[in-house]
N, C-alpha and C. Protein backbone atom coordinates (compact mmCIF):
# COMPACT_ATOMS: atom_id res chain seq x y z
N MET A 1 -11.55 4.18 -5.10
CA MET A 1 -10.02 4.90 -5.81
C MET A 1 -8.96 4.09 -4.75
N GLY A 2 -8.11 3.11 -5.32
CA GLY A 2 -7.00 2.85 -4.76
C GLY A 2 -6.03 3.86 -4.46
N LYS A 3 -5.16 3.71 -3.42
CA LYS A 3 -4.13 4.47 -2.95
C LYS A 3 -3.05 3.94 -3.15
N LEU A 4 -2.33 5.02 -3.65
CA LEU A 4 -0.81 4.72 -3.90
C LEU A 4 0.60 5.19 -2.73
N SER A 5 1.15 4.45 -1.96
CA SER A 5 2.08 5.06 -0.94
C SER A 5 3.26 4.64 -0.96
N VAL A 6 4.42 5.47 -0.23
CA VAL A 6 5.75 4.76 -0.70
C VAL A 6 6.01 4.59 0.91
N PHE A 7 7.02 3.65 1.12
CA PHE A 7 7.76 3.32 1.87
C PHE A 7 9.24 3.41 1.87
N ASN A 8 10.27 4.08 2.22
CA ASN A 8 11.45 4.19 2.17
C ASN A 8 12.28 4.52 3.45
N PHE A 9 13.50 4.11 3.52
CA PHE A 9 14.57 4.43 4.45
C PHE A 9 15.11 5.46 4.04
N ILE A 10 15.59 6.66 4.76
CA ILE A 10 16.31 7.48 4.24
C ILE A 10 17.47 8.03 5.59
N THR A 11 18.39 8.86 4.96
CA THR A 11 19.45 9.34 5.98
C THR A 11 18.97 10.68 6.26
N LEU A 12 19.69 11.18 7.23
CA LEU A 12 19.43 12.26 7.80
C LEU A 12 19.79 13.28 6.36
N ASN A 13 20.31 13.24 5.45
CA ASN A 13 20.75 14.27 4.28
C ASN A 13 19.94 13.49 3.16
N GLY A 14 19.00 12.75 3.66
CA GLY A 14 17.77 12.82 2.27
C GLY A 14 18.12 11.71 1.25
N PHE A 15 19.10 10.65 1.44
CA PHE A 15 19.80 9.61 0.91
C PHE A 15 18.66 8.28 1.09
N TYR A 16 18.51 7.62 -0.20
CA TYR A 16 17.87 6.63 0.18
C TYR A 16 18.60 5.25 -0.18
N LYS A 17 19.54 5.46 -0.84
CA LYS A 17 20.78 4.58 -1.08
C LYS A 17 22.04 5.24 -1.01
N GLY A 18 22.92 4.41 -0.84
CA GLY A 18 24.43 5.07 -0.73
C GLY A 18 25.29 4.80 -2.18
N PRO A 19 26.43 4.80 -2.33
CA PRO A 19 27.26 4.87 -3.41
C PRO A 19 27.05 2.97 -3.43
N ALA A 20 26.92 2.71 -5.22
CA ALA A 20 26.63 1.52 -5.61
C ALA A 20 25.20 0.88 -4.51
N GLY A 21 24.39 1.81 -4.57
CA GLY A 21 23.21 1.01 -3.89
C GLY A 21 23.10 0.79 -2.49
N ASP A 22 24.43 1.03 -1.55
CA ASP A 22 24.51 0.67 -0.56
C ASP A 22 23.42 1.17 0.72
N ILE A 23 22.46 -0.04 1.38
CA ILE A 23 21.82 0.47 2.31
C ILE A 23 22.36 -0.05 3.75
N SER A 24 23.48 -0.48 3.90
CA SER A 24 23.75 -1.37 5.36
C SER A 24 23.82 0.18 6.32
N TRP A 25 23.99 1.03 6.00
CA TRP A 25 23.30 2.24 6.88
C TRP A 25 22.05 2.49 7.64
N HIS A 26 21.15 1.40 7.31
CA HIS A 26 19.82 1.42 7.89
C HIS A 26 20.25 0.32 8.76
N LYS A 27 19.69 0.34 10.08
CA LYS A 27 19.78 -0.73 11.04
C LYS A 27 18.34 -1.19 11.17
N HIS A 28 18.15 -2.68 11.09
CA HIS A 28 17.23 -3.11 11.14
C HIS A 28 16.98 -3.74 12.58
N ASP A 29 16.24 -3.65 13.15
CA ASP A 29 15.86 -4.34 14.37
C ASP A 29 14.62 -4.86 14.62
N GLU A 30 14.29 -5.22 15.90
CA GLU A 30 13.05 -6.33 16.29
C GLU A 30 11.85 -5.21 16.26
N GLU A 31 12.00 -3.74 16.69
CA GLU A 31 10.58 -3.17 16.58
C GLU A 31 10.67 -2.70 15.09
N GLY A 32 11.33 -2.51 14.19
CA GLY A 32 11.24 -2.10 12.82
C GLY A 32 10.47 -3.40 12.09
N GLY A 33 11.20 -4.46 12.37
CA GLY A 33 10.60 -5.74 11.97
C GLY A 33 9.27 -5.89 12.22
N LYS A 34 9.08 -5.94 13.37
CA LYS A 34 7.27 -5.77 13.85
C LYS A 34 6.63 -4.98 12.91
N MET A 35 6.91 -3.82 12.85
CA MET A 35 6.09 -2.88 11.69
C MET A 35 6.09 -3.03 10.61
N SER A 36 7.10 -3.80 10.23
CA SER A 36 6.82 -4.40 8.99
C SER A 36 6.36 -5.36 8.68
N GLU A 37 6.19 -6.23 9.55
CA GLU A 37 5.24 -7.58 9.42
C GLU A 37 3.58 -6.89 9.43
N ASP A 38 3.39 -6.14 10.17
CA ASP A 38 2.29 -4.98 10.42
C ASP A 38 1.63 -4.40 8.91
N ASN A 39 2.70 -4.02 8.36
CA ASN A 39 2.46 -3.21 7.22
C ASN A 39 2.14 -4.26 5.91
N LEU A 40 2.71 -5.39 6.04
CA LEU A 40 2.76 -6.58 5.17
C LEU A 40 1.14 -7.10 5.11
N ARG A 41 0.50 -7.22 6.46
CA ARG A 41 -0.93 -7.55 6.62
C ARG A 41 -2.05 -6.73 6.03
N SER A 42 -1.51 -5.61 5.38
CA SER A 42 -2.46 -4.68 4.54
C SER A 42 -2.90 -5.17 3.47
N ASN A 43 -1.74 -6.13 3.11
CA ASN A 43 -2.19 -6.72 1.50
C ASN A 43 -2.08 -5.84 0.47
N ASN A 44 -1.25 -4.68 0.67
CA ASN A 44 -1.40 -3.99 -0.61
C ASN A 44 -0.35 -4.64 -1.35
N ILE A 45 -0.55 -4.30 -2.57
CA ILE A 45 0.36 -4.62 -3.61
C ILE A 45 1.81 -3.98 -3.62
N LEU A 46 2.95 -5.05 -3.91
CA LEU A 46 4.13 -4.21 -3.25
C LEU A 46 4.75 -4.19 -4.77
N LEU A 47 4.95 -2.43 -5.09
CA LEU A 47 5.96 -2.42 -6.22
C LEU A 47 7.37 -1.86 -6.35
N PHE A 48 8.08 -2.11 -7.44
CA PHE A 48 9.59 -2.00 -7.10
C PHE A 48 10.02 -1.76 -8.61
N GLY A 49 10.96 -1.09 -8.58
CA GLY A 49 11.73 -1.09 -9.96
C GLY A 49 12.65 -1.92 -10.06
N ARG A 50 13.58 -2.30 -11.12
CA ARG A 50 14.30 -3.42 -11.51
C ARG A 50 15.32 -3.73 -10.09
N VAL A 51 15.95 -2.56 -9.67
CA VAL A 51 16.69 -2.68 -8.97
C VAL A 51 16.66 -3.11 -7.55
N THR A 52 15.92 -2.61 -7.18
CA THR A 52 15.37 -2.98 -5.61
C THR A 52 14.52 -4.12 -6.06
N TYR A 53 13.80 -4.60 -6.77
CA TYR A 53 13.51 -6.13 -7.16
C TYR A 53 14.57 -7.00 -7.10
N GLU A 54 15.26 -6.91 -7.75
CA GLU A 54 16.53 -7.78 -7.70
C GLU A 54 17.16 -8.20 -6.48
N MET A 55 17.32 -6.55 -5.38
CA MET A 55 17.83 -7.05 -4.20
C MET A 55 16.93 -7.85 -3.40
N MET A 56 15.60 -7.27 -3.25
CA MET A 56 14.52 -7.76 -2.55
C MET A 56 14.19 -9.55 -2.82
N ALA A 57 14.30 -9.77 -4.17
CA ALA A 57 13.97 -11.28 -4.72
C ALA A 57 15.45 -12.01 -4.33
N GLY A 58 16.54 -11.54 -4.25
CA GLY A 58 18.03 -12.05 -3.90
C GLY A 58 17.84 -12.13 -2.69
N PHE A 59 17.01 -11.88 -1.51
CA PHE A 59 17.26 -11.95 0.07
C PHE A 59 16.02 -12.72 0.51
N TRP A 60 14.80 -11.93 -0.01
CA TRP A 60 13.34 -12.43 0.96
C TRP A 60 13.22 -14.08 0.82
N PRO A 61 13.55 -14.50 -0.32
CA PRO A 61 13.32 -16.16 -0.44
C PRO A 61 14.42 -16.62 0.04
N SER A 62 15.56 -16.33 0.60
CA SER A 62 16.53 -17.19 1.39
C SER A 62 16.53 -17.61 2.56
N PRO A 63 17.12 -18.75 2.88
CA PRO A 63 16.91 -19.34 4.20
C PRO A 63 17.46 -18.40 5.53
N MET A 64 18.42 -17.33 5.05
CA MET A 64 18.74 -16.32 5.89
C MET A 64 17.54 -15.74 6.23
N ALA A 65 16.93 -15.09 5.38
CA ALA A 65 16.03 -14.20 5.78
C ALA A 65 14.54 -14.65 6.32
N HIS A 66 14.31 -16.26 6.18
CA HIS A 66 13.46 -16.77 6.94
C HIS A 66 13.76 -17.08 8.43
N GLU A 67 15.07 -17.22 8.62
CA GLU A 67 15.79 -17.57 9.93
C GLU A 67 15.67 -16.21 10.68
N THR A 68 16.05 -14.98 10.05
CA THR A 68 16.45 -13.73 10.85
C THR A 68 15.09 -13.24 11.24
N PHE A 69 14.10 -12.80 10.02
CA PHE A 69 13.04 -12.31 10.14
C PHE A 69 11.60 -13.21 9.39
N PRO A 70 11.48 -13.89 10.08
CA PRO A 70 10.42 -14.82 9.41
C PRO A 70 9.11 -14.24 9.23
N GLY A 71 8.51 -13.51 9.94
CA GLY A 71 7.16 -12.95 9.40
C GLY A 71 7.21 -11.93 8.50
N VAL A 72 8.17 -11.22 8.18
CA VAL A 72 8.73 -10.71 7.34
C VAL A 72 8.94 -11.08 5.70
N ALA A 73 9.73 -12.25 6.03
CA ALA A 73 9.68 -13.14 4.73
C ALA A 73 8.87 -13.97 4.20
N GLU A 74 8.02 -14.32 5.36
CA GLU A 74 6.54 -14.77 4.64
C GLU A 74 5.39 -13.81 4.61
N GLY A 75 5.53 -12.74 4.69
CA GLY A 75 4.78 -11.58 3.97
C GLY A 75 5.27 -11.08 2.84
N MET A 76 6.39 -10.94 2.87
CA MET A 76 7.21 -10.34 1.18
C MET A 76 6.98 -11.54 0.27
N ASN A 77 7.19 -12.65 0.60
CA ASN A 77 7.24 -13.81 -0.25
C ASN A 77 5.88 -14.31 -0.82
N ASN A 78 4.97 -13.98 0.06
CA ASN A 78 3.54 -14.33 -0.52
C ASN A 78 2.82 -13.06 -1.02
N ALA A 79 3.15 -11.53 -0.82
CA ALA A 79 2.57 -10.22 -1.43
C ALA A 79 2.45 -10.71 -2.87
N GLU A 80 1.49 -10.09 -3.27
CA GLU A 80 1.58 -9.55 -4.63
C GLU A 80 2.39 -8.48 -5.01
N LYS A 81 3.34 -8.84 -6.00
CA LYS A 81 4.29 -7.87 -6.07
C LYS A 81 4.14 -7.82 -7.63
N ILE A 82 4.74 -6.11 -8.22
CA ILE A 82 4.95 -5.98 -9.55
C ILE A 82 6.01 -5.39 -9.36
N VAL A 83 6.87 -5.48 -10.59
CA VAL A 83 8.47 -5.16 -11.09
C VAL A 83 8.20 -4.16 -12.25
N PHE A 84 8.80 -3.01 -12.76
CA PHE A 84 8.63 -2.46 -13.70
C PHE A 84 10.43 -2.24 -14.14
N SER A 85 10.06 -2.51 -15.57
CA SER A 85 11.35 -2.93 -15.82
C SER A 85 11.33 -3.09 -17.32
N LYS A 86 12.17 -2.21 -18.12
CA LYS A 86 12.36 -2.44 -19.65
C LYS A 86 13.09 -3.34 -20.11
N THR A 87 14.03 -3.67 -18.99
CA THR A 87 15.21 -4.91 -19.87
C THR A 87 15.15 -6.05 -19.18
N MET A 88 14.10 -6.43 -18.31
CA MET A 88 14.21 -7.25 -17.51
C MET A 88 12.96 -8.51 -18.65
N GLU A 89 13.56 -9.70 -18.41
CA GLU A 89 12.70 -10.67 -19.47
C GLU A 89 11.86 -11.39 -18.90
N LYS A 90 11.82 -11.49 -17.49
CA LYS A 90 10.92 -12.27 -16.79
C LYS A 90 11.20 -11.96 -15.21
N ALA A 91 10.05 -12.36 -14.42
CA ALA A 91 10.16 -12.00 -12.76
C ALA A 91 9.62 -13.53 -12.10
N ASP A 92 10.73 -14.00 -11.63
CA ASP A 92 10.80 -15.30 -10.96
C ASP A 92 9.91 -15.70 -9.56
N TRP A 93 10.55 -14.32 -9.06
CA TRP A 93 9.86 -14.37 -7.40
C TRP A 93 8.10 -14.37 -7.35
N LYS A 94 7.81 -15.56 -6.72
CA LYS A 94 6.63 -15.70 -6.24
C LYS A 94 5.90 -14.47 -6.50
N ASN A 95 4.69 -14.82 -6.93
CA ASN A 95 3.63 -13.71 -6.85
C ASN A 95 4.18 -12.51 -7.75
N THR A 96 4.93 -12.23 -8.59
CA THR A 96 5.30 -11.26 -9.33
C THR A 96 5.02 -11.25 -10.55
N LYS A 97 4.60 -9.74 -11.32
CA LYS A 97 4.18 -9.77 -12.35
C LYS A 97 5.04 -8.47 -12.81
N LEU A 98 5.55 -8.61 -14.22
CA LEU A 98 6.58 -7.70 -14.88
C LEU A 98 5.68 -6.85 -15.55
N ILE A 99 5.67 -5.57 -15.73
CA ILE A 99 5.44 -4.53 -16.38
C ILE A 99 6.48 -3.64 -17.22
N LYS A 100 6.37 -3.76 -18.53
CA LYS A 100 7.74 -3.45 -19.09
C LYS A 100 7.44 -1.84 -19.90
N SER A 101 6.25 -1.53 -19.83
CA SER A 101 6.27 -0.51 -20.56
C SER A 101 4.88 0.35 -20.06
N ASN A 102 4.32 1.65 -20.30
CA ASN A 102 3.21 2.84 -19.73
C ASN A 102 3.21 2.01 -18.46
N ILE A 103 4.28 2.37 -17.59
CA ILE A 103 3.85 2.17 -16.50
C ILE A 103 2.97 3.11 -15.59
N VAL A 104 2.92 4.42 -16.18
CA VAL A 104 2.01 5.62 -15.35
C VAL A 104 0.58 5.10 -15.86
N ASP A 105 0.28 4.78 -16.94
CA ASP A 105 -0.93 4.70 -17.26
C ASP A 105 -1.46 3.02 -16.71
N GLU A 106 -0.66 2.25 -16.26
CA GLU A 106 -0.86 1.00 -15.56
C GLU A 106 -1.26 1.44 -14.24
N ILE A 107 -0.79 2.23 -13.45
CA ILE A 107 -1.04 2.78 -12.08
C ILE A 107 -2.23 3.51 -11.97
N LYS A 108 -2.51 4.28 -13.24
CA LYS A 108 -3.61 4.95 -13.14
C LYS A 108 -4.81 3.81 -13.43
N LYS A 109 -4.71 2.95 -14.07
CA LYS A 109 -5.58 1.81 -14.06
C LYS A 109 -5.85 1.05 -12.68
N MET A 110 -4.98 0.82 -12.06
CA MET A 110 -4.87 0.12 -11.08
C MET A 110 -5.28 1.06 -9.85
N LYS A 111 -5.38 2.11 -9.57
CA LYS A 111 -5.90 2.83 -8.52
C LYS A 111 -7.22 3.18 -8.80
N THR A 112 -7.44 3.15 -10.22
CA THR A 112 -9.37 3.50 -10.44
C THR A 112 -9.95 1.93 -10.17
N ALA A 113 -8.98 0.84 -10.06
CA ALA A 113 -9.68 -0.40 -10.09
C ALA A 113 -9.69 -0.51 -8.60
N GLY A 114 -9.15 0.51 -7.68
CA GLY A 114 -9.46 0.30 -6.25
C GLY A 114 -8.37 -0.50 -5.74
N LYS A 115 -7.11 -0.58 -6.10
CA LYS A 115 -6.19 -1.41 -5.79
C LYS A 115 -5.45 -0.86 -4.90
N ASP A 116 -4.82 -1.09 -3.50
CA ASP A 116 -3.79 -0.23 -2.45
C ASP A 116 -2.66 -0.69 -3.06
N MET A 117 -1.62 0.06 -3.11
CA MET A 117 -0.20 -0.30 -3.78
C MET A 117 0.72 0.71 -2.80
N THR A 118 1.67 -0.49 -2.42
CA THR A 118 2.83 0.40 -1.92
C THR A 118 4.33 0.17 -2.70
N ILE A 119 5.10 1.42 -2.69
CA ILE A 119 6.18 1.32 -3.73
C ILE A 119 7.34 1.38 -2.23
N LEU A 120 8.26 0.26 -2.67
CA LEU A 120 9.50 -0.18 -1.41
C LEU A 120 10.43 0.32 -2.06
N GLY A 121 11.55 1.39 -1.63
CA GLY A 121 12.84 1.57 -2.53
C GLY A 121 12.84 2.43 -3.64
N SER A 122 13.20 2.09 -5.04
CA SER A 122 12.72 2.25 -6.06
C SER A 122 12.51 3.88 -6.09
N GLY A 123 13.62 4.39 -6.03
CA GLY A 123 13.66 6.03 -5.89
C GLY A 123 13.29 6.37 -7.43
N SER A 124 13.59 5.87 -8.94
CA SER A 124 13.30 6.17 -9.70
C SER A 124 11.92 6.27 -10.09
N ILE A 125 11.22 5.15 -9.61
CA ILE A 125 9.67 5.22 -9.64
C ILE A 125 9.01 5.75 -8.73
N VAL A 126 9.43 6.03 -7.55
CA VAL A 126 8.92 7.22 -6.68
C VAL A 126 8.92 8.61 -7.37
N SER A 127 10.18 9.10 -8.08
CA SER A 127 10.30 10.36 -8.32
C SER A 127 9.33 10.35 -9.84
N LEU A 128 9.10 9.45 -10.68
CA LEU A 128 8.12 9.42 -11.60
C LEU A 128 6.73 9.72 -11.60
N PHE A 129 6.26 8.56 -10.38
CA PHE A 129 4.89 8.78 -9.92
C PHE A 129 4.44 9.97 -9.03
N ALA A 130 5.53 10.35 -8.26
CA ALA A 130 5.57 12.02 -7.87
C ALA A 130 5.51 12.95 -8.86
N GLU A 131 6.20 12.83 -9.74
CA GLU A 131 6.28 14.02 -10.94
C GLU A 131 4.66 14.01 -11.60
N HIS A 132 3.90 12.55 -11.76
CA HIS A 132 2.42 12.75 -11.98
C HIS A 132 1.52 12.72 -11.22
N GLY A 133 1.96 12.87 -10.11
CA GLY A 133 0.67 13.07 -8.98
C GLY A 133 0.17 12.06 -8.33
N LEU A 134 0.73 10.99 -8.53
CA LEU A 134 -0.27 9.74 -8.34
C LEU A 134 0.20 9.12 -7.00
N ILE A 135 0.94 9.62 -6.22
CA ILE A 135 1.21 9.22 -4.83
C ILE A 135 0.43 9.84 -3.77
N ASP A 136 -0.43 9.30 -3.10
CA ASP A 136 -1.31 9.43 -1.95
C ASP A 136 -0.66 9.72 -0.71
N GLY A 137 0.66 8.96 -0.15
CA GLY A 137 1.10 9.21 0.91
C GLY A 137 2.59 8.61 0.98
N TYR A 138 3.26 9.01 2.13
CA TYR A 138 4.77 8.59 2.09
C TYR A 138 4.91 8.45 3.40
N GLN A 139 6.02 7.44 3.52
CA GLN A 139 6.23 6.86 5.23
C GLN A 139 7.82 6.96 4.83
N PHE A 140 8.45 7.73 5.44
CA PHE A 140 10.16 7.96 5.94
C PHE A 140 10.34 7.31 6.96
N MET A 141 11.24 6.45 7.02
CA MET A 141 11.67 5.69 8.37
C MET A 141 13.34 6.19 7.96
N LEU A 142 13.48 7.64 8.73
CA LEU A 142 14.43 8.59 8.74
C LEU A 142 15.52 7.93 10.04
N ASP A 143 16.54 7.37 9.65
CA ASP A 143 17.62 7.05 10.17
C ASP A 143 18.55 7.81 10.75
N PRO A 144 19.20 7.77 12.15
CA PRO A 144 20.00 9.01 12.74
C PRO A 144 21.59 8.46 12.20
N THR A 145 21.54 9.01 10.85
CA THR A 145 22.96 8.45 9.98
C THR A 145 22.78 9.57 9.20
N ALA A 146 24.19 10.04 8.25
CA ALA A 146 24.27 10.87 7.50
C ALA A 146 25.57 10.08 6.56
N ILE A 147 25.49 9.81 5.46
CA ILE A 147 26.57 9.40 4.68
C ILE A 147 26.94 10.46 3.48
N GLY A 148 28.08 10.40 3.18
CA GLY A 148 28.43 11.27 2.62
C GLY A 148 28.34 11.43 0.90
N ASP A 149 27.94 10.39 0.58
CA ASP A 149 27.13 10.26 -0.64
C ASP A 149 26.23 9.36 -1.29
N GLY A 150 25.43 9.40 -1.94
CA GLY A 150 23.95 8.79 -2.05
C GLY A 150 23.11 9.34 -3.44
N THR A 151 21.85 8.74 -3.31
CA THR A 151 20.92 9.09 -4.13
C THR A 151 19.73 9.56 -3.45
N PRO A 152 19.51 10.91 -3.89
CA PRO A 152 18.27 11.33 -3.13
C PRO A 152 16.89 10.95 -3.30
N ILE A 153 16.00 10.60 -2.35
CA ILE A 153 15.05 10.12 -2.79
C ILE A 153 14.26 10.70 -3.72
N PHE A 154 13.84 12.12 -3.99
CA PHE A 154 13.32 12.86 -5.07
C PHE A 154 14.09 12.88 -6.20
N LYS A 155 15.20 12.40 -6.39
CA LYS A 155 15.96 12.77 -7.32
C LYS A 155 15.34 12.86 -9.16
N GLY A 156 15.35 14.03 -9.51
CA GLY A 156 14.68 14.48 -10.74
C GLY A 156 13.64 14.92 -10.77
N ILE A 157 12.78 15.50 -9.60
CA ILE A 157 11.39 16.04 -9.71
C ILE A 157 11.69 17.35 -10.26
N SER A 158 10.76 17.58 -10.96
CA SER A 158 10.97 19.17 -11.82
C SER A 158 9.85 20.23 -10.87
N HIS A 159 9.05 19.68 -9.77
CA HIS A 159 8.13 20.83 -9.02
C HIS A 159 8.19 20.60 -7.94
N GLN A 160 7.97 21.41 -7.02
CA GLN A 160 8.03 21.40 -5.77
C GLN A 160 6.62 20.46 -5.77
N LEU A 161 7.30 19.37 -4.25
CA LEU A 161 6.35 18.47 -3.54
C LEU A 161 5.65 19.15 -2.25
N ASN A 162 4.54 19.61 -2.28
CA ASN A 162 4.03 19.53 -0.61
C ASN A 162 3.63 18.52 0.03
N LEU A 163 3.96 18.31 1.04
CA LEU A 163 3.15 17.39 1.86
C LEU A 163 3.34 17.66 3.39
N LYS A 164 2.04 16.96 3.44
CA LYS A 164 1.27 17.06 5.19
C LYS A 164 1.76 16.33 5.76
N LEU A 165 2.66 16.27 7.25
CA LEU A 165 2.59 15.45 8.26
C LEU A 165 1.31 15.26 8.68
N THR A 166 1.44 13.60 8.90
CA THR A 166 0.27 13.00 9.60
C THR A 166 0.52 12.54 10.45
N ASP A 167 1.62 11.61 10.68
CA ASP A 167 1.87 11.21 12.09
C ASP A 167 3.53 11.04 12.40
N THR A 168 4.10 10.57 13.43
CA THR A 168 5.15 10.36 13.59
C THR A 168 5.40 9.15 14.53
N LYS A 169 6.32 8.40 14.76
CA LYS A 169 6.69 7.36 15.53
C LYS A 169 8.30 7.38 15.65
N THR A 170 8.83 7.22 16.86
CA THR A 170 10.15 7.43 17.45
C THR A 170 10.53 5.85 17.85
N PHE A 171 11.43 5.28 17.48
CA PHE A 171 11.84 3.98 17.72
C PHE A 171 13.20 4.11 18.72
N LYS A 172 13.02 3.13 19.49
CA LYS A 172 14.29 2.84 20.22
C LYS A 172 15.92 3.07 19.64
N SER A 173 15.81 2.61 18.61
CA SER A 173 17.08 2.74 17.84
C SER A 173 17.58 4.37 17.17
N GLY A 174 16.35 5.21 17.51
CA GLY A 174 16.67 6.64 17.42
C GLY A 174 16.18 6.61 15.77
N SER A 175 15.67 5.80 15.32
CA SER A 175 15.44 6.20 13.78
C SER A 175 13.61 6.51 14.36
N ILE A 176 13.37 7.70 13.14
CA ILE A 176 11.85 8.18 13.46
C ILE A 176 10.92 7.84 11.94
N LEU A 177 9.77 7.39 12.25
CA LEU A 177 8.98 7.27 11.00
C LEU A 177 8.13 8.37 10.81
N LEU A 178 8.05 9.14 9.75
CA LEU A 178 7.73 10.04 9.31
C LEU A 178 6.49 9.83 8.16
N SER A 179 5.41 10.17 8.80
CA SER A 179 4.05 9.87 7.61
C SER A 179 3.65 10.93 6.95
N TYR A 180 3.40 11.18 5.57
CA TYR A 180 2.95 12.17 4.89
C TYR A 180 1.84 11.96 4.13
N GLN A 181 0.96 13.09 3.73
CA GLN A 181 0.16 12.89 2.35
C GLN A 181 0.43 14.03 1.74
N THR A 182 0.10 13.68 0.56
CA THR A 182 -0.02 14.82 -0.42
C THR A 182 -1.09 15.91 -0.08
N VAL A 183 -0.57 17.26 -0.45
CA VAL A 183 -1.36 18.51 -0.39
C VAL A 183 -1.87 18.75 -1.73
């Protein structure tokens, strides 16, 4: 059985993005970049909602991404990717498949087929899959920042989500990686 995990940056007050999708509050550094490179070596299928996909596809293939974060850019561009969107007509980023409907059923099939997957960003997808009990583990990079307004990571879930802390890692930047599994 494949595993479905989540990786997201969050603020101290629980937001994964600020107004208008702003994530400039997250501080990318060398240590976090190295962790991202290592995580991409797991060859998990990367999952995105439309908004996160458009942001990622607009940055990672760019010359700036290759110059600034060469290892992460290579991993992101070469990874197998799925974008969930009812409105997109096509997904042009290398190695990307578009799924327009029945996304819960599609993930169930992929898990049964033994595929390991990681959701990046994509709060609405995280909430939907959490609501259906499909997520096996969560990794949150907790930034030492609070913002005045934003979108909470679990916006819209209707039931209590119980998690067990399995690991922590503190970064020089002051960020803390919190790893959880579902209970």
